[in-house]
Amino acid sequence: MNKKQWYESLFENYGQKYDNENFTRGTVGECDFIEHELNADKSLKILDVGCGTGRHAIELSKRGYTVTGIDLSETQLIRAREKAERDHLSINFIKQDARNLSFNGEFDMAIMLCEGGFPLMETDEMNYEILKGATKSLRAHGKFIFTTLNGLFPLYHSVEEFCASASGEGNATYRSNTFDLMTFRDHNITEFEDDSGNIKRLECNERYYVPSEITWVLKSLGYRKIDIFGAKLGAFSRTDTLTTEDFEMLVIAEK
C-alpha cells in the first residue's frame, strides 16, 4: 500500500478542528462575492472542488444554489454531510480525487477555495490535472473561481512569520519553512491537534505560483478571460490589485 501523502494525513479525523481554524471565518463574505459573480442566478449549478467540511457549499445552498461538493477526505465529507443534514439542506457530497474528476460539462461555475487540492499536490503535473478536471466539468462560457498561494509573497516575506501571525490558539502551526526558489515550493513542518486530541506532526510542501504561470496554464486550457487579484479573507473583490503583500491570489477565469 502506498504511503499516504501529507495532505491525506492532515485531513484525517480533522473535520471539527478544521472548522475552528482562523481561515474558515471568511465564508459568508466569500460567498457574497461568488453570488455576485453568478449574478444571483439560482438556476446555475456549482461544483465545489476540495469542499472540505462544506462551508462554502452549505452557505451557497442556504442561498438557493444547487451545489455538488467533492473532496478526498472521508472525515471532512462526513462532517459536511452532518452539517448539511442539521440545516435540512440537500447537497451532493462525493468522495472524489480532484486530479481525476468524473464530470463533463455539467456545471456553470467551479469554485476551489482555500487551497482545495490545488496547489497541495506533490508535482506540477498533478496540480495541472486538477485545473484540467475542473475546466472539463464546466459548460461553455462557464466560470472558474479559485484561490492559490501567491509566489510573489515569499520572495519578500517569511512564510513562517506570516503563518504564525495569522494563527490563533489551538490552530495548526507551521515551522522550519524552507522556500525553494527553483521549484517555488515551501517545505514545512505542520503541527496540529486532530478531533481526538492527538498531536500530529507532518512534513508538508506546497507549491506557490506567480500570476504569469497561472495565466499561461489557464490560457492553455482554453479560457478566454483571466483576472487575478489579491485574496482578502472573507472580502474577495475585483478592486484588490495583487501585490507582494498578498499571501493568496484570487483567480477568476471565464471560458
Protein backbone atom coordinates (compact mmCIF):
# COMPACT_ATOMS: atom_id res chain seq x y z
CA MET A 1 0.00 0.00 0.00
CA ASN A 2 1.32 3.43 -0.97
CA LYS A 3 2.35 5.77 1.84
CA LYS A 4 -0.24 8.47 2.42
CA GLN A 5 0.68 11.94 1.27
CA TRP A 6 0.78 14.68 3.91
CA TYR A 7 -2.46 16.26 2.70
CA GLU A 8 -4.27 12.93 3.11
CA SER A 9 -2.96 12.51 6.67
CA LEU A 10 -3.71 16.15 7.50
CA PHE A 11 -7.42 15.86 6.82
CA GLU A 12 -7.97 12.55 8.62
CA ASN A 13 -10.11 12.96 11.74
CA TYR A 14 -9.88 16.76 11.45
CA GLY A 15 -13.39 17.86 10.45
CA GLN A 16 -14.38 19.63 13.69
CA LYS A 17 -10.96 21.19 14.39
CA TYR A 18 -10.79 22.39 10.78
CA ASP A 19 -13.97 24.42 11.26
CA ASN A 20 -12.27 26.30 14.12
CA GLU A 21 -9.22 27.35 12.10
CA ASN A 22 -8.90 31.12 11.56
CA PHE A 23 -9.03 30.88 7.78
CA THR A 24 -12.55 29.38 7.86
CA ARG A 25 -14.10 32.60 9.14
CA GLY A 26 -14.47 34.33 5.80
CA THR A 27 -17.14 32.01 4.40
CA VAL A 28 -20.09 34.43 4.24
CA GLY A 29 -18.11 37.25 2.62
CA GLU A 30 -16.55 34.88 0.11
CA CYS A 31 -19.97 33.52 -0.82
CA ASP A 32 -21.24 37.10 -1.25
CA PHE A 33 -18.56 37.53 -3.91
CA ILE A 34 -19.37 34.20 -5.61
CA GLU A 35 -23.07 35.09 -5.68
CA HIS A 36 -22.26 38.45 -7.27
CA GLU A 37 -20.15 36.68 -9.92
CA LEU A 38 -23.17 34.42 -10.62
CA ASN A 39 -25.41 37.49 -10.97
CA ALA A 40 -27.54 35.83 -8.27
CA ASP A 41 -28.90 33.37 -10.86
CA LYS A 42 -30.17 30.49 -8.72
CA SER A 43 -30.60 28.23 -11.75
CA LEU A 44 -26.82 27.89 -12.12
CA LYS A 45 -25.07 24.73 -10.90
CA ILE A 46 -21.87 24.97 -8.84
CA LEU A 47 -19.05 22.46 -8.30
CA ASP A 48 -17.04 22.94 -5.09
CA VAL A 49 -13.64 21.27 -5.58
CA GLY A 50 -11.91 20.31 -2.35
CA CYS A 51 -15.04 21.26 -0.42
CA GLY A 52 -13.68 20.11 2.95
CA THR A 53 -16.36 20.37 5.63
CA GLY A 54 -18.67 22.02 3.12
CA ARG A 55 -18.58 25.56 4.45
CA HIS A 56 -18.96 27.28 1.04
CA ALA A 57 -21.27 24.60 -0.38
CA ILE A 58 -23.57 24.86 2.64
CA GLU A 59 -23.69 28.66 2.63
CA LEU A 60 -24.44 28.74 -1.12
CA SER A 61 -27.07 26.02 -0.74
CA LYS A 62 -28.76 28.09 2.00
CA ARG A 63 -28.98 30.89 -0.56
CA GLY A 64 -30.79 28.64 -3.03
CA TYR A 65 -28.00 27.37 -5.29
CA THR A 66 -27.50 23.76 -6.39
CA VAL A 67 -24.03 22.70 -5.25
CA THR A 68 -22.03 19.48 -5.60
CA GLY A 69 -19.02 19.15 -3.30
CA ILE A 70 -16.08 16.80 -3.84
CA ASP A 71 -13.22 16.02 -1.50
CA LEU A 72 -10.60 13.32 -0.99
CA SER A 73 -11.13 13.13 2.78
CA GLU A 74 -13.95 10.93 4.05
CA THR A 75 -13.85 12.51 7.53
CA GLN A 76 -14.20 16.00 6.07
CA LEU A 77 -17.16 14.80 3.99
CA ILE A 78 -18.81 13.14 7.00
CA ARG A 79 -18.62 16.47 8.82
CA ALA A 80 -20.02 18.27 5.74
CA ARG A 81 -22.95 15.85 5.47
CA GLU A 82 -23.72 16.20 9.20
CA LYS A 83 -23.77 19.98 8.92
CA ALA A 84 -25.96 19.91 5.79
CA GLU A 85 -28.41 17.49 7.41
CA ARG A 86 -28.59 19.67 10.52
CA ASP A 87 -29.56 22.62 8.31
CA HIS A 88 -32.03 20.48 6.28
CA LEU A 89 -30.06 21.01 3.08
CA SER A 90 -29.80 18.60 0.15
CA ILE A 91 -26.19 18.76 -1.07
CA ASN A 92 -24.42 16.04 -3.04
CA PHE A 93 -21.10 15.49 -1.24
CA ILE A 94 -18.95 12.95 -3.11
CA LYS A 95 -15.60 11.38 -2.27
CA GLN A 96 -13.50 12.02 -5.35
CA ASP A 97 -9.90 12.82 -6.22
CA ALA A 98 -9.61 16.31 -7.70
CA ARG A 99 -6.90 15.01 -10.06
CA ASN A 100 -9.41 12.68 -11.69
CA LEU A 101 -12.80 14.38 -11.71
CA SER A 102 -15.62 12.46 -13.39
CA PHE A 103 -17.67 15.44 -14.57
CA ASN A 104 -18.05 16.64 -18.15
CA GLY A 105 -19.77 19.94 -18.92
CA GLU A 106 -22.26 19.68 -16.05
CA PHE A 107 -21.61 22.91 -14.14
CA ASP A 108 -21.86 26.65 -14.72
CA MET A 109 -19.24 27.51 -12.12
CA ALA A 110 -16.43 25.66 -10.37
CA ILE A 111 -15.01 27.03 -7.13
CA MET A 112 -11.83 25.87 -5.41
CA LEU A 113 -11.13 28.00 -2.35
CA CYS A 114 -8.57 27.89 0.45
CA GLU A 115 -6.23 25.52 -1.40
CA GLY A 116 -8.93 22.99 -2.25
CA GLY A 117 -6.46 20.39 -3.52
CA PHE A 118 -4.58 22.79 -5.77
CA PRO A 119 -1.66 23.61 -5.06
CA LEU A 120 -1.06 20.86 -2.48
CA MET A 121 -0.08 18.10 -4.90
CA GLU A 122 3.46 16.78 -4.99
CA THR A 123 4.10 17.55 -8.68
CA ASP A 124 3.18 20.38 -11.05
CA GLU A 125 1.64 17.79 -13.36
CA MET A 126 -0.81 16.71 -10.66
CA ASN A 127 -1.74 20.31 -9.92
CA TYR A 128 -2.36 20.79 -13.64
CA GLU A 129 -4.70 17.77 -13.69
CA ILE A 130 -6.83 19.46 -11.03
CA LEU A 131 -7.21 22.61 -13.15
CA LYS A 132 -7.88 20.47 -16.23
CA GLY A 133 -10.56 18.41 -14.49
CA ALA A 134 -12.33 21.47 -13.09
CA THR A 135 -12.27 23.04 -16.55
CA LYS A 136 -13.75 19.89 -18.13
CA SER A 137 -16.58 19.96 -15.60
CA LEU A 138 -17.75 23.37 -16.89
CA ARG A 139 -20.27 24.12 -19.57
CA ALA A 140 -19.47 26.51 -22.44
CA HIS A 141 -18.94 30.02 -21.03
CA GLY A 142 -18.53 28.58 -17.53
CA LYS A 143 -16.58 30.39 -14.84
CA PHE A 144 -13.82 29.04 -12.59
CA ILE A 145 -13.02 30.89 -9.34
CA PHE A 146 -10.17 29.72 -7.14
CA THR A 147 -7.57 30.92 -4.69
CA THR A 148 -3.97 29.80 -4.64
CA LEU A 149 -0.68 30.69 -2.96
CA ASN A 150 0.93 33.86 -4.29
CA GLY A 151 4.51 33.16 -5.39
CA LEU A 152 5.38 36.86 -5.08
CA PHE A 153 4.83 36.78 -1.30
CA PRO A 154 7.72 34.51 -0.18
CA LEU A 155 10.17 36.50 -2.31
CA TYR A 156 9.62 39.42 0.05
CA HIS A 157 8.43 37.84 3.32
CA SER A 158 8.87 34.91 5.67
CA VAL A 159 6.05 32.41 5.23
CA GLU A 160 6.66 31.08 8.74
CA GLU A 161 6.26 34.53 10.31
CA PHE A 162 3.07 35.17 8.33
CA CYS A 163 1.52 31.85 9.35
CA ALA A 164 2.39 32.50 13.00
CA SER A 165 0.79 35.96 12.89
CA ALA A 166 -2.39 34.64 11.24
CA SER A 167 -2.84 31.69 13.59
CA GLY A 168 -4.88 31.60 16.78
CA GLU A 169 -4.81 29.45 19.89
CA GLY A 170 -5.50 25.82 19.04
CA ASN A 171 -4.83 26.37 15.32
CA ALA A 172 -2.30 24.44 13.27
CA THR A 173 1.28 25.78 13.43
CA TYR A 174 3.93 25.80 10.69
CA ARG A 175 7.64 25.53 11.47
CA SER A 176 11.00 25.18 9.73
CA ASN A 177 9.76 26.70 6.49
CA THR A 178 12.18 26.44 3.58
CA PHE A 179 11.26 28.12 0.30
CA ASP A 180 12.92 26.64 -2.80
CA LEU A 181 13.49 29.27 -5.50
CA MET A 182 13.93 26.63 -8.21
CA THR A 183 10.60 24.92 -7.63
CA PHE A 184 8.64 27.64 -5.77
CA ARG A 185 7.75 25.07 -3.13
CA ASP A 186 7.61 25.81 0.57
CA HIS A 187 8.60 22.86 2.76
CA ASN A 188 7.48 22.98 6.38
CA ILE A 189 6.61 21.00 9.49
CA THR A 190 2.91 21.36 10.30
CA GLU A 191 1.72 20.54 13.81
CA PHE A 192 -1.96 20.32 14.76
CA GLU A 193 -4.35 18.56 17.08
CA ASP A 194 -6.93 16.24 15.49
CA ASP A 195 -10.53 15.75 16.64
CA SER A 196 -9.46 13.05 19.11
CA GLY A 197 -6.89 15.32 20.77
CA ASN A 198 -3.88 13.64 19.15
CA ILE A 199 -0.99 15.92 18.22
CA LYS A 200 0.15 15.26 14.66
CA ARG A 201 3.37 16.41 13.04
CA LEU A 202 3.59 16.30 9.24
CA GLU A 203 6.26 17.17 6.70
CA CYS A 204 4.38 19.25 4.13
CA ASN A 205 5.19 21.03 0.91
CA GLU A 206 3.04 23.43 -1.08
CA ARG A 207 3.54 24.98 -4.49
CA TYR A 208 3.40 28.76 -4.82
CA TYR A 209 2.52 30.20 -8.24
CA VAL A 210 3.28 33.53 -9.86
CA PRO A 211 0.46 35.23 -11.80
CA SER A 212 2.08 34.75 -15.22
CA GLU A 213 2.26 30.96 -14.65
CA ILE A 214 -1.40 30.74 -13.72
CA THR A 215 -2.39 32.89 -16.69
CA TRP A 216 -0.38 30.75 -19.12
CA VAL A 217 -1.76 27.47 -17.78
CA LEU A 218 -5.36 28.70 -17.91
CA LYS A 219 -4.89 30.03 -21.43
CA SER A 220 -3.61 26.59 -22.44
CA LEU A 221 -6.87 25.15 -21.05
CA GLY A 222 -8.92 27.44 -23.29
CA TYR A 223 -10.03 30.26 -21.01
CA ARG A 224 -10.64 33.49 -22.91
CA LYS A 225 -10.64 35.86 -19.91
CA ILE A 226 -8.41 35.53 -16.84
CA ASP A 227 -8.35 38.02 -13.98
CA ILE A 228 -6.09 37.79 -10.91
CA PHE A 229 -6.46 39.82 -7.71
CA GLY A 230 -5.30 39.80 -4.13
CA ALA A 231 -7.37 37.41 -1.99
CA LYS A 232 -8.52 39.03 1.25
CA LEU A 233 -10.05 36.64 3.79
CA GLY A 234 -13.82 36.97 3.65
CA ALA A 235 -13.62 40.03 1.41
CA PHE A 236 -12.88 38.95 -2.17
CA SER A 237 -13.03 41.90 -4.54
CA ARG A 238 -12.18 42.79 -8.12
CA THR A 239 -10.75 46.07 -6.82
CA ASP A 240 -7.83 44.49 -4.90
CA THR A 241 -4.76 44.59 -7.13
CA LEU A 242 -2.41 41.68 -6.40
CA THR A 243 0.75 42.79 -4.58
CA THR A 244 3.71 41.19 -2.81
CA GLU A 245 1.74 41.68 0.45
CA ASP A 246 -0.95 39.18 -0.54
CA PHE A 247 -0.39 35.65 0.76
CA GLU A 248 -3.01 34.30 -1.64
CA MET A 249 -4.31 35.32 -5.03
CA LEU A 250 -7.87 35.21 -6.29
CA VAL A 251 -8.21 33.85 -9.83
CA ILE A 252 -11.36 34.32 -11.97
CA ALA A 253 -11.28 32.52 -15.32
CA GLU A 254 -14.03 32.53 -17.91
CA LYS A 255 -14.37 30.18 -20.86
